[in-house]
């Protein structure tokens, strides 16, 4: 019975969803790109700090 209830909930959610507009899609891509760049920059800074410590330490 739980499987049938789960499937009914899935169908209900899928009926409510819609395709994002072009503006929503562009905003999501920008936010995702900024997040990737931010995390990559933080990782690179940490890498540089460890390199500097290894050179002078």
C-alpha atoms as a PDB file:
ATOM      1  CA  UNK A   1       0.000   0.000   0.000  1.00  0.00           C
ATOM      2  CA  UNK A   2       2.852   2.416   0.658  1.00  0.00           C
ATOM      3  CA  UNK A   3       4.100   1.959  -2.902  1.00  0.00           C
ATOM      4  CA  UNK A   4       0.727   2.931  -4.364  1.00  0.00           C
ATOM      5  CA  UNK A   5       0.549   5.968  -2.108  1.00  0.00           C
ATOM      6  CA  UNK A   6       4.079   6.974  -3.124  1.00  0.00           C
ATOM      7  CA  UNK A   7       3.242   6.640  -6.824  1.00  0.00           C
ATOM      8  CA  UNK A   8       0.091   8.735  -6.397  1.00  0.00           C
ATOM      9  CA  UNK A   9       2.141  11.454  -4.709  1.00  0.00           C
ATOM     10  CA  UNK A  10       4.699  11.324  -7.543  1.00  0.00           C
ATOM     11  CA  UNK A  11       1.970  11.744 -10.166  1.00  0.00           C
ATOM     12  CA  UNK A  12       0.460  14.636  -8.204  1.00  0.00           C
ATOM     13  CA  UNK A  13       3.820  16.421  -8.022  1.00  0.00           C
ATOM     14  CA  UNK A  14       4.504  15.887 -11.725  1.00  0.00           C
ATOM     15  CA  UNK A  15       1.129  17.398 -12.635  1.00  0.00           C
ATOM     16  CA  UNK A  16       1.973  20.571 -10.689  1.00  0.00           C
ATOM     17  CA  UNK A  17       5.446  21.062 -12.147  1.00  0.00           C
ATOM     18  CA  UNK A  18       6.101  23.211 -15.192  1.00  0.00           C
ATOM     19  CA  UNK A  19       8.962  24.029 -17.505  1.00  0.00           C
ATOM     20  CA  UNK A  20      11.005  27.029 -16.294  1.00  0.00           C
ATOM     21  CA  UNK A  21      10.856  30.236 -18.299  1.00  0.00           C
ATOM     22  CA  UNK A  22      13.938  31.467 -20.124  1.00  0.00           C
ATOM     23  CA  UNK A  23      14.587  34.072 -17.413  1.00  0.00           C
ATOM     24  CA  UNK A  24      14.338  31.482 -14.631  1.00  0.00           C
ATOM     25  CA  UNK A  25      16.682  29.150 -16.498  1.00  0.00           C
ATOM     26  CA  UNK A  26      19.261  31.896 -17.097  1.00  0.00           C
ATOM     27  CA  UNK A  27      19.112  32.913 -13.424  1.00  0.00           C
ATOM     28  CA  UNK A  28      19.672  29.300 -12.319  1.00  0.00           C
ATOM     29  CA  UNK A  29      22.625  28.940 -14.702  1.00  0.00           C
ATOM     30  CA  UNK A  30      24.194  32.182 -13.429  1.00  0.00           C
ATOM     31  CA  UNK A  31      23.815  31.182  -9.786  1.00  0.00           C
ATOM     32  CA  UNK A  32      25.214  27.712 -10.457  1.00  0.00           C
ATOM     33  CA  UNK A  33      28.167  29.138 -12.379  1.00  0.00           C
ATOM     34  CA  UNK A  34      28.966  31.617  -9.631  1.00  0.00           C
ATOM     35  CA  UNK A  35      28.834  28.836  -7.051  1.00  0.00           C
ATOM     36  CA  UNK A  36      31.242  26.681  -9.065  1.00  0.00           C
ATOM     37  CA  UNK A  37      33.639  29.597  -9.518  1.00  0.00           C
ATOM     38  CA  UNK A  38      33.450  30.480  -5.808  1.00  0.00           C
ATOM     39  CA  UNK A  39      34.131  26.936  -4.626  1.00  0.00           C
ATOM     40  CA  UNK A  40      36.944  26.530  -7.149  1.00  0.00           C
ATOM     41  CA  UNK A  41      38.523  29.809  -6.021  1.00  0.00           C
ATOM     42  CA  UNK A  42      38.397  28.771  -2.386  1.00  0.00           C
ATOM     43  CA  UNK A  43      40.015  25.443  -3.246  1.00  0.00           C
ATOM     44  CA  UNK A  44      42.739  27.177  -5.256  1.00  0.00           C
ATOM     45  CA  UNK A  45      43.481  29.612  -2.421  1.00  0.00           C
ATOM     46  CA  UNK A  46      43.781  26.706   0.028  1.00  0.00           C
ATOM     47  CA  UNK A  47      46.090  24.932  -2.445  1.00  0.00           C
ATOM     48  CA  UNK A  48      48.301  28.034  -2.693  1.00  0.00           C
ATOM     49  CA  UNK A  49      48.445  28.401   1.091  1.00  0.00           C
ATOM     50  CA  UNK A  50      49.627  24.799   1.467  1.00  0.00           C
ATOM     51  CA  UNK A  51      52.204  25.284  -1.308  1.00  0.00           C
ATOM     52  CA  UNK A  52      53.571  28.389   0.421  1.00  0.00           C
ATOM     53  CA  UNK A  53      53.714  26.568   3.751  1.00  0.00           C
ATOM     54  CA  UNK A  54      55.560  23.676   2.110  1.00  0.00           C
ATOM     55  CA  UNK A  55      58.109  26.003   0.535  1.00  0.00           C
ATOM     56  CA  UNK A  56      58.859  28.014   3.677  1.00  0.00           C
ATOM     57  CA  UNK A  57      58.074  25.379   6.273  1.00  0.00           C
END
